[in-house]
């Protein structure tokens, strides 16, 4: 059986926590930040844990994690 390949896009965007949950970056903080409120920019810092349904999709793209 051939080796399973990891999706390159997924390995750049997702990481696993120690308990096996999938973490991702928050969206809407790359450009046009002058339009966005301070509150939105502040809340978009760091990462967040994906929902169970989204985590299942992300993990299918990351077979070796």
PDB file of N, CA and C in Angstrom:
ATOM      1  N   UNK A   1       0.844  -1.182   0.000  1.00  0.00           N
ATOM      2  CA  UNK A   1       0.000   0.000   0.000  1.00  0.00           C
ATOM      3  C   UNK A   1       0.891   1.247   0.000  1.00  0.00           C
ATOM      4  N   UNK A   2       0.586   2.247  -0.843  1.00  0.00           N
ATOM      5  CA  UNK A   2       1.456   3.421  -0.920  1.00  0.00           C
ATOM      6  C   UNK A   2       1.353   4.306   0.321  1.00  0.00           C
ATOM      7  N   UNK A   3       2.374   5.129   0.488  1.00  0.00           N
ATOM      8  CA  UNK A   3       2.371   6.058   1.611  1.00  0.00           C
ATOM      9  C   UNK A   3       1.285   7.107   1.404  1.00  0.00           C
ATOM     10  N   UNK A   4       0.699   7.566   2.499  1.00  0.00           N
ATOM     11  CA  UNK A   4      -0.300   8.633   2.427  1.00  0.00           C
ATOM     12  C   UNK A   4       0.407   9.971   2.439  1.00  0.00           C
ATOM     13  N   UNK A   5       0.014  10.837   1.530  1.00  0.00           N
ATOM     14  CA  UNK A   5       0.646  12.154   1.467  1.00  0.00           C
ATOM     15  C   UNK A   5      -0.170  13.169   2.247  1.00  0.00           C
ATOM     16  N   UNK A   6       0.537  14.075   2.896  1.00  0.00           N
ATOM     17  CA  UNK A   6      -0.092  15.171   3.625  1.00  0.00           C
ATOM     18  C   UNK A   6      -0.387  16.295   2.646  1.00  0.00           C
ATOM     19  N   UNK A   7      -1.557  16.918   2.782  1.00  0.00           N
ATOM     20  CA  UNK A   7      -1.882  18.086   1.954  1.00  0.00           C
ATOM     21  C   UNK A   7      -0.993  19.250   2.388  1.00  0.00           C
ATOM     22  N   UNK A   8      -0.255  19.833   1.456  1.00  0.00           N
ATOM     23  CA  UNK A   8       0.672  20.917   1.785  1.00  0.00           C
ATOM     24  C   UNK A   8      -0.050  22.120   2.371  1.00  0.00           C
ATOM     25  N   UNK A   9      -1.227  22.417   1.867  1.00  0.00           N
ATOM     26  CA  UNK A   9      -1.980  23.569   2.378  1.00  0.00           C
ATOM     27  C   UNK A   9      -2.379  23.341   3.829  1.00  0.00           C
ATOM     28  N   UNK A  10      -2.740  22.110   4.171  1.00  0.00           N
ATOM     29  CA  UNK A  10      -3.183  21.808   5.533  1.00  0.00           C
ATOM     30  C   UNK A  10      -2.031  21.865   6.525  1.00  0.00           C
ATOM     31  N   UNK A  11      -0.865  21.398   6.132  1.00  0.00           N
ATOM     32  CA  UNK A  11       0.244  21.392   7.085  1.00  0.00           C
ATOM     33  C   UNK A  11       0.722  22.801   7.402  1.00  0.00           C
ATOM     34  N   UNK A  12       0.437  23.756   6.501  1.00  0.00           N
ATOM     35  CA  UNK A  12       0.796  25.150   6.765  1.00  0.00           C
ATOM     36  C   UNK A  12      -0.217  25.842   7.665  1.00  0.00           C
ATOM     37  N   UNK A  13      -1.448  25.325   7.734  1.00  0.00           N
ATOM     38  CA  UNK A  13      -2.531  26.031   8.407  1.00  0.00           C
ATOM     39  C   UNK A  13      -2.955  25.446   9.743  1.00  0.00           C
ATOM     40  N   UNK A  14      -2.721  24.165   9.970  1.00  0.00           N
ATOM     41  CA  UNK A  14      -3.248  23.508  11.162  1.00  0.00           C
ATOM     42  C   UNK A  14      -2.140  22.882  11.993  1.00  0.00           C
ATOM     43  N   UNK A  15      -2.335  22.882  13.321  1.00  0.00           N
ATOM     44  CA  UNK A  15      -1.448  22.195  14.256  1.00  0.00           C
ATOM     45  C   UNK A  15      -2.315  21.441  15.248  1.00  0.00           C
ATOM     46  N   UNK A  16      -1.751  20.398  15.833  1.00  0.00           N
ATOM     47  CA  UNK A  16      -2.476  19.646  16.851  1.00  0.00           C
ATOM     48  C   UNK A  16      -2.047  20.106  18.232  1.00  0.00           C
ATOM     49  N   UNK A  17      -2.997  20.153  19.160  1.00  0.00           N
ATOM     50  CA  UNK A  17      -2.674  20.427  20.552  1.00  0.00           C
ATOM     51  C   UNK A  17      -2.209  19.130  21.198  1.00  0.00           C
ATOM     52  N   UNK A  18      -1.772  19.203  22.433  1.00  0.00           N
ATOM     53  CA  UNK A  18      -1.293  18.012  23.140  1.00  0.00           C
ATOM     54  C   UNK A  18      -2.408  16.991  23.344  1.00  0.00           C
ATOM     55  N   UNK A  19      -3.659  17.461  23.425  1.00  0.00           N
ATOM     56  CA  UNK A  19      -4.785  16.538  23.636  1.00  0.00           C
ATOM     57  C   UNK A  19      -5.382  16.043  22.319  1.00  0.00           C
ATOM     58  N   UNK A  20      -4.811  16.478  21.176  1.00  0.00           N
ATOM     59  CA  UNK A  20      -5.269  15.979  19.880  1.00  0.00           C
ATOM     60  C   UNK A  20      -6.282  16.856  19.180  1.00  0.00           C
ATOM     61  N   UNK A  21      -6.581  18.015  19.744  1.00  0.00           N
ATOM     62  CA  UNK A  21      -7.496  18.937  19.062  1.00  0.00           C
ATOM     63  C   UNK A  21      -6.736  19.688  17.979  1.00  0.00           C
ATOM     64  N   UNK A  22      -7.468  20.204  16.996  1.00  0.00           N
ATOM     65  CA  UNK A  22      -6.830  20.895  15.875  1.00  0.00           C
ATOM     66  C   UNK A  22      -6.928  22.401  16.090  1.00  0.00           C
ATOM     67  N   UNK A  23      -5.773  23.066  15.995  1.00  0.00           N
ATOM     68  CA  UNK A  23      -5.725  24.518  16.156  1.00  0.00           C
ATOM     69  C   UNK A  23      -5.471  25.176  14.817  1.00  0.00           C
ATOM     70  N   UNK A  24      -6.067  26.358  14.622  1.00  0.00           N
ATOM     71  CA  UNK A  24      -5.872  27.113  13.386  1.00  0.00           C
ATOM     72  C   UNK A  24      -5.770  28.590  13.708  1.00  0.00           C
ATOM     73  N   UNK A  25      -5.258  29.341  12.753  1.00  0.00           N
ATOM     74  CA  UNK A  25      -5.184  30.783  12.919  1.00  0.00           C
ATOM     75  C   UNK A  25      -6.552  31.409  12.680  1.00  0.00           C
ATOM     76  N   UNK A  26      -6.785  32.545  13.313  1.00  0.00           N
ATOM     77  CA  UNK A  26      -8.037  33.274  13.133  1.00  0.00           C
ATOM     78  C   UNK A  26      -7.964  34.037  11.818  1.00  0.00           C
ATOM     79  N   UNK A  27      -9.066  34.118  11.102  1.00  0.00           N
ATOM     80  CA  UNK A  27      -9.100  34.772   9.790  1.00  0.00           C
ATOM     81  C   UNK A  27      -9.216  36.291   9.915  1.00  0.00           C
ATOM     82  N   UNK A  28      -9.120  36.964   8.799  1.00  0.00           N
ATOM     83  CA  UNK A  28      -9.352  38.408   8.646  1.00  0.00           C
ATOM     84  C   UNK A  28      -8.332  39.274   9.362  1.00  0.00           C
ATOM     85  N   UNK A  29      -7.050  38.909   9.291  1.00  0.00           N
ATOM     86  CA  UNK A  29      -6.045  39.783   9.896  1.00  0.00           C
ATOM     87  C   UNK A  29      -4.811  39.948   9.014  1.00  0.00           C
ATOM     88  N   UNK A  30      -4.997  39.813   7.709  1.00  0.00           N
ATOM     89  CA  UNK A  30      -3.856  39.902   6.794  1.00  0.00           C
ATOM     90  C   UNK A  30      -3.693  41.287   6.172  1.00  0.00           C
ATOM     91  N   UNK A  31      -4.767  41.854   5.686  1.00  0.00           N
ATOM     92  CA  UNK A  31      -4.656  43.158   5.031  1.00  0.00           C
ATOM     93  C   UNK A  31      -5.948  43.937   5.228  1.00  0.00           C
ATOM     94  N   UNK A  32      -5.928  45.216   4.837  1.00  0.00           N
ATOM     95  CA  UNK A  32      -7.065  46.133   5.038  1.00  0.00           C
ATOM     96  C   UNK A  32      -7.431  46.245   6.514  1.00  0.00           C
ATOM     97  N   UNK A  33      -6.438  46.244   7.367  1.00  0.00           N
ATOM     98  CA  UNK A  33      -6.715  46.269   8.799  1.00  0.00           C
ATOM     99  C   UNK A  33      -7.198  47.638   9.274  1.00  0.00           C
ATOM    100  N   UNK A  34      -6.957  48.671   8.487  1.00  0.00           N
ATOM    101  CA  UNK A  34      -7.418  50.005   8.899  1.00  0.00           C
ATOM    102  C   UNK A  34      -8.937  50.078   8.937  1.00  0.00           C
ATOM    103  N   UNK A  35      -9.610  49.223   8.171  1.00  0.00           N
ATOM    104  CA  UNK A  35     -11.076  49.219   8.141  1.00  0.00           C
ATOM    105  C   UNK A  35     -11.672  48.520   9.365  1.00  0.00           C
ATOM    106  N   UNK A  36     -10.925  47.628   9.935  1.00  0.00           N
ATOM    107  CA  UNK A  36     -11.472  46.776  10.989  1.00  0.00           C
ATOM    108  C   UNK A  36     -11.366  47.455  12.349  1.00  0.00           C
ATOM    109  N   UNK A  37     -12.300  47.132  13.209  1.00  0.00           N
ATOM    110  CA  UNK A  37     -12.321  47.759  14.528  1.00  0.00           C
ATOM    111  C   UNK A  37     -11.192  47.204  15.389  1.00  0.00           C
ATOM    112  N   UNK A  38     -10.825  47.972  16.415  1.00  0.00           N
ATOM    113  CA  UNK A  38      -9.793  47.521  17.350  1.00  0.00           C
ATOM    114  C   UNK A  38     -10.195  46.204  17.991  1.00  0.00           C
ATOM    115  N   UNK A  39     -11.471  46.097  18.327  1.00  0.00           N
ATOM    116  CA  UNK A  39     -11.973  44.893  18.994  1.00  0.00           C
ATOM    117  C   UNK A  39     -11.780  43.666  18.105  1.00  0.00           C
ATOM    118  N   UNK A  40     -12.098  43.794  16.829  1.00  0.00           N
ATOM    119  CA  UNK A  40     -11.980  42.655  15.932  1.00  0.00           C
ATOM    120  C   UNK A  40     -10.520  42.248  15.763  1.00  0.00           C
ATOM    121  N   UNK A  41      -9.629  43.247  15.615  1.00  0.00           N
ATOM    122  CA  UNK A  41      -8.212  42.939  15.449  1.00  0.00           C
ATOM    123  C   UNK A  41      -7.649  42.286  16.709  1.00  0.00           C
ATOM    124  N   UNK A  42      -8.085  42.735  17.860  1.00  0.00           N
ATOM    125  CA  UNK A  42      -7.617  42.171  19.126  1.00  0.00           C
ATOM    126  C   UNK A  42      -8.095  40.727  19.287  1.00  0.00           C
ATOM    127  N   UNK A  43      -9.350  40.484  18.937  1.00  0.00           N
ATOM    128  CA  UNK A  43      -9.899  39.135  19.096  1.00  0.00           C
ATOM    129  C   UNK A  43      -9.369  38.156  18.049  1.00  0.00           C
ATOM    130  N   UNK A  44      -8.783  38.682  16.966  1.00  0.00           N
ATOM    131  CA  UNK A  44      -8.254  37.817  15.915  1.00  0.00           C
ATOM    132  C   UNK A  44      -6.813  37.403  16.174  1.00  0.00           C
ATOM    133  N   UNK A  45      -6.257  37.784  17.319  1.00  0.00           N
ATOM    134  CA  UNK A  45      -4.891  37.381  17.654  1.00  0.00           C
ATOM    135  C   UNK A  45      -4.842  35.898  17.998  1.00  0.00           C
ATOM    136  N   UNK A  46      -3.680  35.311  17.798  1.00  0.00           N
ATOM    137  CA  UNK A  46      -3.473  33.940  18.257  1.00  0.00           C
ATOM    138  C   UNK A  46      -4.199  32.904  17.416  1.00  0.00           C
ATOM    139  N   UNK A  47      -4.584  31.821  18.063  1.00  0.00           N
ATOM    140  CA  UNK A  47      -5.225  30.706  17.366  1.00  0.00           C
ATOM    141  C   UNK A  47      -6.516  30.323  18.059  1.00  0.00           C
ATOM    142  N   UNK A  48      -7.272  29.427  17.427  1.00  0.00           N
ATOM    143  CA  UNK A  48      -8.494  28.913  18.040  1.00  0.00           C
ATOM    144  C   UNK A  48      -8.626  27.434  17.706  1.00  0.00           C
ATOM    145  N   UNK A  49      -9.420  26.726  18.475  1.00  0.00           N
ATOM    146  CA  UNK A  49      -9.630  25.291  18.271  1.00  0.00           C
ATOM    147  C   UNK A  49     -10.804  25.094  17.322  1.00  0.00           C
ATOM    148  N   UNK A  50     -10.605  24.243  16.328  1.00  0.00           N
ATOM    149  CA  UNK A  50     -11.663  23.980  15.344  1.00  0.00           C
ATOM    150  C   UNK A  50     -12.790  23.172  15.972  1.00  0.00           C
ATOM    151  N   UNK A  51     -13.977  23.312  15.397  1.00  0.00           N
ATOM    152  CA  UNK A  51     -15.113  22.506  15.842  1.00  0.00           C
ATOM    153  C   UNK A  51     -14.871  21.050  15.472  1.00  0.00           C
ATOM    154  N   UNK A  52     -15.652  20.170  16.053  1.00  0.00           N
ATOM    155  CA  UNK A  52     -15.458  18.736  15.840  1.00  0.00           C
ATOM    156  C   UNK A  52     -15.604  18.361  14.359  1.00  0.00           C
ATOM    157  N   UNK A  53     -16.576  18.941  13.685  1.00  0.00           N
ATOM    158  CA  UNK A  53     -16.804  18.627  12.271  1.00  0.00           C
ATOM    159  C   UNK A  53     -15.651  19.123  11.400  1.00  0.00           C
ATOM    160  N   UNK A  54     -15.181  20.340  11.662  1.00  0.00           N
ATOM    161  CA  UNK A  54     -14.082  20.886  10.878  1.00  0.00           C
ATOM    162  C   UNK A  54     -12.771  20.170  11.188  1.00  0.00           C
ATOM    163  N   UNK A  55     -12.597  19.762  12.435  1.00  0.00           N
ATOM    164  CA  UNK A  55     -11.383  19.054  12.821  1.00  0.00           C
ATOM    165  C   UNK A  55     -11.283  17.720  12.095  1.00  0.00           C
ATOM    166  N   UNK A  56     -12.421  17.075  11.886  1.00  0.00           N
ATOM    167  CA  UNK A  56     -12.432  15.796  11.179  1.00  0.00           C
ATOM    168  C   UNK A  56     -11.936  15.965   9.742  1.00  0.00           C
ATOM    169  N   UNK A  57     -12.363  17.056   9.091  1.00  0.00           N
ATOM    170  CA  UNK A  57     -11.921  17.336   7.721  1.00  0.00           C
ATOM    171  C   UNK A  57     -10.430  17.647   7.702  1.00  0.00           C
ATOM    172  N   UNK A  58      -9.976  18.470   8.655  1.00  0.00           N
ATOM    173  CA  UNK A  58      -8.566  18.848   8.697  1.00  0.00           C
ATOM    174  C   UNK A  58      -7.681  17.633   8.958  1.00  0.00           C
ATOM    175  N   UNK A  59      -8.117  16.755   9.850  1.00  0.00           N
ATOM    176  CA  UNK A  59      -7.315  15.572  10.174  1.00  0.00           C
ATOM    177  C   UNK A  59      -7.234  14.614   8.991  1.00  0.00           C
ATOM    178  N   UNK A  60      -8.249  14.597   8.134  1.00  0.00           N
ATOM    179  CA  UNK A  60      -8.182  13.720   6.968  1.00  0.00           C
ATOM    180  C   UNK A  60      -7.125  14.190   5.982  1.00  0.00           C
ATOM    181  N   UNK A  61      -6.790  15.476   6.017  1.00  0.00           N
ATOM    182  CA  UNK A  61      -5.740  16.026   5.162  1.00  0.00           C
ATOM    183  C   UNK A  61      -4.362  15.859   5.788  1.00  0.00           C
ATOM    184  N   UNK A  62      -4.309  15.472   7.060  1.00  0.00           N
ATOM    185  CA  UNK A  62      -3.053  15.328   7.800  1.00  0.00           C
ATOM    186  C   UNK A  62      -2.924  13.887   8.316  1.00  0.00           C
ATOM    187  N   UNK A  63      -2.683  12.924   7.453  1.00  0.00           N
ATOM    188  CA  UNK A  63      -2.704  11.525   7.887  1.00  0.00           C
ATOM    189  C   UNK A  63      -1.560  11.165   8.827  1.00  0.00           C
ATOM    190  N   UNK A  64      -0.461  11.919   8.801  1.00  0.00           N
ATOM    191  CA  UNK A  64       0.706  11.532   9.602  1.00  0.00           C
ATOM    192  C   UNK A  64       0.779  12.245  10.938  1.00  0.00           C
ATOM    193  N   UNK A  65      -0.261  12.961  11.329  1.00  0.00           N
ATOM    194  CA  UNK A  65      -0.252  13.631  12.630  1.00  0.00           C
ATOM    195  C   UNK A  65      -1.110  12.905  13.631  1.00  0.00           C
TER     196      UNK A  65
END
